[in-house]
Amino acid sequence: MRTLRNPFFLLSVSLFALHQISQKGLGLQIGWADSYLDNLLCFPILMGIWQVERQARWKLDRFSGFEVFSAWLFLSFVFEVVFPKLSAGFTADWMDVVFYAAGAVGFYFLINPESSQLKTISSTGR
């Protein structure tokens, strides 16, 4: 459950919620945020939730770099190639892939704990 208390995870969820409320609920248009903020926050949120599930179910504490890269590659393909081919409601934008990558890097370094950090956290009882 460390992930759910991680400041970067909490910031990502909060920013996502505030943006959705402002965009969909209040009708505010915020150029860059409307185009790319959700893409940037996608990986910290999705991978963070998946990490909680992995920790609870299989006692696996962190994702390897290969796993994060594979998730980025797969989701980028699905979101930017498959969905636009299946529905006109989706538009392929390769800048989205860049923002997914930035979010994946943020997740890997800021939410996905190093083994040494895990030992420190578990020895302090937090």
N, C-alpha and C. Protein backbone atom coordinates (compact mmCIF):
# COMPACT_ATOMS: atom_id res chain seq x y z
N MET A 1 0.80 -1.21 0.00
CA MET A 1 0.00 0.00 0.00
C MET A 1 0.85 1.28 0.00
N ARG A 2 2.17 1.10 -0.03
CA ARG A 2 3.05 2.27 -0.10
C ARG A 2 2.72 3.13 -1.31
N THR A 3 2.38 2.49 -2.39
CA THR A 3 2.11 3.21 -3.63
C THR A 3 0.98 4.20 -3.46
N LEU A 4 -0.06 3.82 -2.75
CA LEU A 4 -1.21 4.70 -2.57
C LEU A 4 -0.90 5.93 -1.72
N ARG A 5 0.21 5.88 -0.99
CA ARG A 5 0.63 7.03 -0.17
C ARG A 5 1.78 7.80 -0.81
N ASN A 6 2.23 7.35 -1.97
CA ASN A 6 3.34 8.00 -2.64
C ASN A 6 2.91 9.39 -3.10
N PRO A 7 3.69 10.43 -2.78
CA PRO A 7 3.29 11.80 -3.15
C PRO A 7 3.09 12.00 -4.66
N PHE A 8 3.94 11.37 -5.50
CA PHE A 8 3.79 11.52 -6.94
C PHE A 8 2.53 10.82 -7.44
N PHE A 9 2.19 9.68 -6.86
CA PHE A 9 0.95 8.99 -7.23
C PHE A 9 -0.25 9.85 -6.83
N LEU A 10 -0.23 10.36 -5.60
CA LEU A 10 -1.33 11.21 -5.12
C LEU A 10 -1.47 12.48 -5.95
N LEU A 11 -0.34 13.08 -6.33
CA LEU A 11 -0.38 14.27 -7.18
C LEU A 11 -0.98 13.93 -8.54
N SER A 12 -0.58 12.79 -9.11
CA SER A 12 -1.11 12.38 -10.41
C SER A 12 -2.61 12.18 -10.37
N VAL A 13 -3.10 11.47 -9.36
CA VAL A 13 -4.54 11.22 -9.23
C VAL A 13 -5.28 12.54 -9.01
N SER A 14 -4.74 13.41 -8.17
CA SER A 14 -5.39 14.70 -7.89
C SER A 14 -5.45 15.58 -9.14
N LEU A 15 -4.33 15.67 -9.86
CA LEU A 15 -4.32 16.48 -11.09
C LEU A 15 -5.29 15.92 -12.12
N PHE A 16 -5.32 14.60 -12.26
CA PHE A 16 -6.24 13.98 -13.20
C PHE A 16 -7.69 14.32 -12.83
N ALA A 17 -8.05 14.17 -11.56
CA ALA A 17 -9.42 14.45 -11.11
C ALA A 17 -9.76 15.93 -11.31
N LEU A 18 -8.86 16.82 -10.93
CA LEU A 18 -9.12 18.25 -11.10
C LEU A 18 -9.28 18.62 -12.57
N HIS A 19 -8.45 18.04 -13.41
CA HIS A 19 -8.56 18.33 -14.84
C HIS A 19 -9.89 17.83 -15.41
N GLN A 20 -10.29 16.61 -15.03
CA GLN A 20 -11.56 16.08 -15.53
C GLN A 20 -12.73 16.92 -15.06
N ILE A 21 -12.71 17.34 -13.81
CA ILE A 21 -13.79 18.19 -13.28
C ILE A 21 -13.82 19.52 -14.02
N SER A 22 -12.65 20.14 -14.21
CA SER A 22 -12.63 21.44 -14.88
C SER A 22 -13.02 21.32 -16.35
N GLN A 23 -12.57 20.26 -17.01
CA GLN A 23 -12.86 20.11 -18.44
C GLN A 23 -14.28 19.64 -18.70
N LYS A 24 -14.69 18.56 -18.05
CA LYS A 24 -16.00 17.96 -18.33
C LYS A 24 -17.12 18.59 -17.49
N GLY A 25 -16.81 18.89 -16.23
CA GLY A 25 -17.83 19.42 -15.34
C GLY A 25 -18.06 20.91 -15.50
N LEU A 26 -16.97 21.68 -15.62
CA LEU A 26 -17.09 23.14 -15.68
C LEU A 26 -16.96 23.70 -17.09
N GLY A 27 -16.57 22.83 -18.02
CA GLY A 27 -16.44 23.27 -19.41
C GLY A 27 -15.25 24.17 -19.69
N LEU A 28 -14.26 24.16 -18.81
CA LEU A 28 -13.07 24.99 -19.02
C LEU A 28 -12.14 24.33 -20.04
N GLN A 29 -11.60 25.13 -20.93
CA GLN A 29 -10.64 24.65 -21.92
C GLN A 29 -9.25 25.12 -21.50
N ILE A 30 -8.33 24.17 -21.34
CA ILE A 30 -6.97 24.49 -20.89
C ILE A 30 -6.00 23.87 -21.90
N GLY A 31 -5.97 24.35 -23.12
CA GLY A 31 -5.14 23.92 -24.23
C GLY A 31 -4.25 22.71 -24.03
N TRP A 32 -3.03 22.93 -23.55
CA TRP A 32 -2.05 21.86 -23.39
C TRP A 32 -2.59 20.75 -22.50
N ALA A 33 -3.22 21.12 -21.39
CA ALA A 33 -3.73 20.11 -20.45
C ALA A 33 -4.81 19.25 -21.12
N ASP A 34 -5.67 19.86 -21.90
CA ASP A 34 -6.72 19.10 -22.58
C ASP A 34 -6.13 18.10 -23.58
N SER A 35 -5.01 18.46 -24.17
CA SER A 35 -4.40 17.58 -25.17
C SER A 35 -3.49 16.51 -24.57
N TYR A 36 -2.73 16.87 -23.51
CA TYR A 36 -1.67 15.96 -23.09
C TYR A 36 -1.59 15.60 -21.61
N LEU A 37 -2.30 16.29 -20.75
CA LEU A 37 -2.16 16.00 -19.32
C LEU A 37 -2.60 14.58 -18.97
N ASP A 38 -3.73 14.15 -19.52
CA ASP A 38 -4.20 12.79 -19.22
C ASP A 38 -3.20 11.74 -19.69
N ASN A 39 -2.56 12.00 -20.84
CA ASN A 39 -1.54 11.06 -21.34
C ASN A 39 -0.35 11.00 -20.40
N LEU A 40 0.06 12.14 -19.89
CA LEU A 40 1.19 12.20 -18.96
C LEU A 40 0.88 11.46 -17.66
N LEU A 41 -0.34 11.56 -17.19
CA LEU A 41 -0.73 10.97 -15.91
C LEU A 41 -1.18 9.52 -16.03
N CYS A 42 -1.39 9.05 -17.25
CA CYS A 42 -1.87 7.69 -17.48
C CYS A 42 -0.99 6.64 -16.81
N PHE A 43 0.31 6.70 -17.04
CA PHE A 43 1.18 5.65 -16.50
C PHE A 43 1.35 5.72 -15.00
N PRO A 44 1.57 6.88 -14.40
CA PRO A 44 1.65 6.88 -12.93
C PRO A 44 0.40 6.30 -12.28
N ILE A 45 -0.77 6.57 -12.84
CA ILE A 45 -2.02 6.08 -12.24
C ILE A 45 -2.23 4.60 -12.54
N LEU A 46 -2.21 4.22 -13.82
CA LEU A 46 -2.45 2.81 -14.17
C LEU A 46 -1.41 1.87 -13.58
N MET A 47 -0.14 2.22 -13.74
CA MET A 47 0.92 1.35 -13.23
C MET A 47 0.94 1.36 -11.71
N GLY A 48 0.58 2.50 -11.10
CA GLY A 48 0.51 2.56 -9.64
C GLY A 48 -0.57 1.63 -9.10
N ILE A 49 -1.73 1.63 -9.73
CA ILE A 49 -2.81 0.73 -9.30
C ILE A 49 -2.42 -0.72 -9.54
N TRP A 50 -1.78 -0.99 -10.67
CA TRP A 50 -1.33 -2.35 -10.98
C TRP A 50 -0.27 -2.80 -9.97
N GLN A 51 0.58 -1.87 -9.56
CA GLN A 51 1.61 -2.20 -8.58
C GLN A 51 0.99 -2.57 -7.23
N VAL A 52 -0.04 -1.87 -6.82
CA VAL A 52 -0.74 -2.22 -5.57
C VAL A 52 -1.29 -3.64 -5.66
N GLU A 53 -1.89 -3.96 -6.81
CA GLU A 53 -2.44 -5.30 -7.00
C GLU A 53 -1.33 -6.36 -6.95
N ARG A 54 -0.22 -6.08 -7.60
CA ARG A 54 0.92 -7.03 -7.59
C ARG A 54 1.48 -7.21 -6.18
N GLN A 55 1.55 -6.13 -5.43
CA GLN A 55 2.06 -6.21 -4.06
C GLN A 55 1.12 -7.02 -3.18
N ALA A 56 -0.17 -6.82 -3.33
CA ALA A 56 -1.14 -7.51 -2.50
C ALA A 56 -1.27 -8.99 -2.88
N ARG A 57 -1.32 -9.27 -4.16
CA ARG A 57 -1.58 -10.63 -4.62
C ARG A 57 -0.33 -11.50 -4.68
N TRP A 58 0.75 -10.97 -5.22
CA TRP A 58 1.92 -11.81 -5.46
C TRP A 58 3.16 -11.39 -4.67
N LYS A 59 3.03 -10.38 -3.83
CA LYS A 59 4.16 -9.88 -3.03
C LYS A 59 5.33 -9.42 -3.91
N LEU A 60 5.04 -8.96 -5.11
CA LEU A 60 6.05 -8.40 -6.01
C LEU A 60 6.09 -6.90 -5.79
N ASP A 61 7.22 -6.38 -5.38
CA ASP A 61 7.28 -4.99 -4.96
C ASP A 61 7.46 -3.98 -6.08
N ARG A 62 8.18 -4.33 -7.12
CA ARG A 62 8.45 -3.32 -8.13
C ARG A 62 8.42 -3.92 -9.52
N PHE A 63 8.24 -3.03 -10.48
CA PHE A 63 8.31 -3.41 -11.88
C PHE A 63 9.74 -3.25 -12.36
N SER A 64 10.17 -4.15 -13.22
CA SER A 64 11.49 -3.98 -13.84
C SER A 64 11.37 -2.91 -14.93
N GLY A 65 12.49 -2.40 -15.35
CA GLY A 65 12.49 -1.45 -16.45
C GLY A 65 11.89 -2.05 -17.70
N PHE A 66 12.17 -3.33 -17.94
CA PHE A 66 11.62 -4.02 -19.11
C PHE A 66 10.09 -4.09 -19.03
N GLU A 67 9.55 -4.35 -17.84
CA GLU A 67 8.08 -4.42 -17.68
C GLU A 67 7.44 -3.06 -17.93
N VAL A 68 8.04 -1.99 -17.43
CA VAL A 68 7.49 -0.65 -17.65
C VAL A 68 7.59 -0.30 -19.14
N PHE A 69 8.73 -0.59 -19.76
CA PHE A 69 8.90 -0.33 -21.19
C PHE A 69 7.88 -1.13 -22.01
N SER A 70 7.68 -2.39 -21.66
CA SER A 70 6.72 -3.24 -22.38
C SER A 70 5.30 -2.70 -22.24
N ALA A 71 4.93 -2.27 -21.04
CA ALA A 71 3.60 -1.69 -20.82
C ALA A 71 3.43 -0.42 -21.65
N TRP A 72 4.48 0.42 -21.68
CA TRP A 72 4.43 1.65 -22.48
C TRP A 72 4.25 1.31 -23.96
N LEU A 73 5.02 0.37 -24.44
CA LEU A 73 4.95 -0.01 -25.86
C LEU A 73 3.56 -0.57 -26.20
N PHE A 74 3.06 -1.47 -25.37
CA PHE A 74 1.76 -2.09 -25.61
C PHE A 74 0.63 -1.06 -25.56
N LEU A 75 0.58 -0.25 -24.50
CA LEU A 75 -0.51 0.71 -24.37
C LEU A 75 -0.43 1.81 -25.42
N SER A 76 0.77 2.22 -25.79
CA SER A 76 0.91 3.20 -26.87
C SER A 76 0.35 2.64 -28.17
N PHE A 77 0.64 1.38 -28.45
CA PHE A 77 0.12 0.74 -29.66
C PHE A 77 -1.40 0.66 -29.62
N VAL A 78 -1.94 0.22 -28.50
CA VAL A 78 -3.40 0.09 -28.38
C VAL A 78 -4.08 1.45 -28.49
N PHE A 79 -3.58 2.44 -27.71
CA PHE A 79 -4.24 3.76 -27.68
C PHE A 79 -4.06 4.55 -28.97
N GLU A 80 -2.91 4.40 -29.62
CA GLU A 80 -2.62 5.27 -30.77
C GLU A 80 -2.73 4.58 -32.14
N VAL A 81 -2.86 3.25 -32.16
CA VAL A 81 -3.01 2.54 -33.44
C VAL A 81 -4.35 1.80 -33.47
N VAL A 82 -4.59 0.94 -32.49
CA VAL A 82 -5.77 0.09 -32.51
C VAL A 82 -7.06 0.90 -32.32
N PHE A 83 -7.14 1.67 -31.24
CA PHE A 83 -8.38 2.41 -30.97
C PHE A 83 -8.76 3.36 -32.10
N PRO A 84 -7.83 4.15 -32.67
CA PRO A 84 -8.22 5.02 -33.80
C PRO A 84 -8.72 4.24 -35.02
N LYS A 85 -8.25 3.02 -35.21
CA LYS A 85 -8.74 2.21 -36.35
C LYS A 85 -10.14 1.66 -36.07
N LEU A 86 -10.46 1.45 -34.79
CA LEU A 86 -11.75 0.88 -34.42
C LEU A 86 -12.86 1.91 -34.30
N SER A 87 -12.49 3.16 -33.99
CA SER A 87 -13.52 4.16 -33.75
C SER A 87 -13.05 5.55 -34.19
N ALA A 88 -13.95 6.28 -34.83
CA ALA A 88 -13.64 7.65 -35.25
C ALA A 88 -13.54 8.59 -34.04
N GLY A 89 -13.99 8.12 -32.87
CA GLY A 89 -13.91 8.94 -31.66
C GLY A 89 -12.50 9.05 -31.10
N PHE A 90 -11.58 8.26 -31.64
CA PHE A 90 -10.18 8.28 -31.21
C PHE A 90 -9.33 8.85 -32.33
N THR A 91 -8.34 9.64 -31.96
CA THR A 91 -7.43 10.22 -32.94
C THR A 91 -6.00 9.83 -32.59
N ALA A 92 -5.27 9.34 -33.56
CA ALA A 92 -3.87 9.01 -33.34
C ALA A 92 -3.05 10.30 -33.30
N ASP A 93 -2.27 10.48 -32.25
CA ASP A 93 -1.40 11.64 -32.09
C ASP A 93 -0.10 11.13 -31.50
N TRP A 94 0.96 11.17 -32.28
CA TRP A 94 2.21 10.58 -31.81
C TRP A 94 2.85 11.37 -30.68
N MET A 95 2.41 12.60 -30.46
CA MET A 95 2.89 13.34 -29.28
C MET A 95 2.35 12.68 -28.00
N ASP A 96 1.19 12.04 -28.11
CA ASP A 96 0.66 11.30 -26.96
C ASP A 96 1.67 10.25 -26.50
N VAL A 97 2.31 9.59 -27.44
CA VAL A 97 3.27 8.53 -27.12
C VAL A 97 4.44 9.12 -26.32
N VAL A 98 4.84 10.34 -26.66
CA VAL A 98 5.91 11.01 -25.92
C VAL A 98 5.47 11.27 -24.48
N PHE A 99 4.24 11.70 -24.31
CA PHE A 99 3.75 11.98 -22.95
C PHE A 99 3.50 10.70 -22.17
N TYR A 100 3.08 9.63 -22.84
CA TYR A 100 3.01 8.33 -22.16
C TYR A 100 4.39 7.93 -21.66
N ALA A 101 5.41 8.14 -22.50
CA ALA A 101 6.78 7.79 -22.13
C ALA A 101 7.24 8.62 -20.94
N ALA A 102 6.94 9.91 -20.93
CA ALA A 102 7.33 10.76 -19.80
C ALA A 102 6.64 10.29 -18.52
N GLY A 103 5.38 9.92 -18.62
CA GLY A 103 4.67 9.39 -17.46
C GLY A 103 5.24 8.06 -16.99
N ALA A 104 5.64 7.22 -17.94
CA ALA A 104 6.24 5.92 -17.59
C ALA A 104 7.58 6.13 -16.88
N VAL A 105 8.37 7.07 -17.35
CA VAL A 105 9.65 7.38 -16.70
C VAL A 105 9.40 7.94 -15.30
N GLY A 106 8.41 8.83 -15.20
CA GLY A 106 8.06 9.37 -13.88
C GLY A 106 7.62 8.27 -12.93
N PHE A 107 6.79 7.36 -13.41
CA PHE A 107 6.37 6.23 -12.58
C PHE A 107 7.58 5.41 -12.14
N TYR A 108 8.44 5.07 -13.09
CA TYR A 108 9.56 4.18 -12.79
C TYR A 108 10.48 4.76 -11.71
N PHE A 109 10.77 6.05 -11.81
CA PHE A 109 11.72 6.65 -10.87
C PHE A 109 11.08 7.23 -9.62
N LEU A 110 9.82 7.60 -9.66
CA LEU A 110 9.21 8.29 -8.52
C LEU A 110 8.21 7.45 -7.74
N ILE A 111 7.62 6.44 -8.35
CA ILE A 111 6.63 5.61 -7.64
C ILE A 111 7.15 4.20 -7.45
N ASN A 112 7.77 3.65 -8.45
CA ASN A 112 8.27 2.27 -8.44
C ASN A 112 9.52 2.22 -7.56
N PRO A 113 9.43 1.67 -6.35
CA PRO A 113 10.55 1.78 -5.42
C PRO A 113 11.73 0.89 -5.77
N GLU A 114 12.92 1.37 -5.47
CA GLU A 114 14.13 0.55 -5.59
C GLU A 114 14.14 -0.47 -4.47
N SER A 115 14.81 -1.56 -4.66
CA SER A 115 14.90 -2.59 -3.63
C SER A 115 15.49 -2.05 -2.35
N SER A 116 16.51 -1.18 -2.45
CA SER A 116 17.13 -0.62 -1.25
C SER A 116 16.15 0.27 -0.49
N GLN A 117 15.28 0.99 -1.22
CA GLN A 117 14.27 1.81 -0.58
C GLN A 117 13.26 0.92 0.15
N LEU A 118 12.93 -0.22 -0.43
CA LEU A 118 11.99 -1.14 0.20
C LEU A 118 12.53 -1.66 1.52
N LYS A 119 13.81 -2.01 1.55
CA LYS A 119 14.41 -2.50 2.78
C LYS A 119 14.40 -1.43 3.86
N THR A 120 14.69 -0.17 3.46
CA THR A 120 14.70 0.93 4.42
C THR A 120 13.29 1.16 4.96
N ILE A 121 12.31 1.15 4.06
CA ILE A 121 10.92 1.37 4.48
C ILE A 121 10.45 0.24 5.40
N SER A 122 10.74 -1.00 5.03
CA SER A 122 10.25 -2.12 5.84
C SER A 122 10.98 -2.19 7.19
N SER A 123 12.24 -1.75 7.24
CA SER A 123 12.94 -1.81 8.53
C SER A 123 12.49 -0.70 9.47
N THR A 124 11.93 0.40 8.93
CA THR A 124 11.42 1.46 9.79
C THR A 124 9.97 1.23 10.16
N GLY A 125 9.35 0.21 9.56
CA GLY A 125 7.97 -0.14 9.92
C GLY A 125 6.91 0.65 9.21
N ARG A 126 7.28 1.43 8.19
CA ARG A 126 6.28 2.22 7.45
C ARG A 126 5.82 1.49 6.24
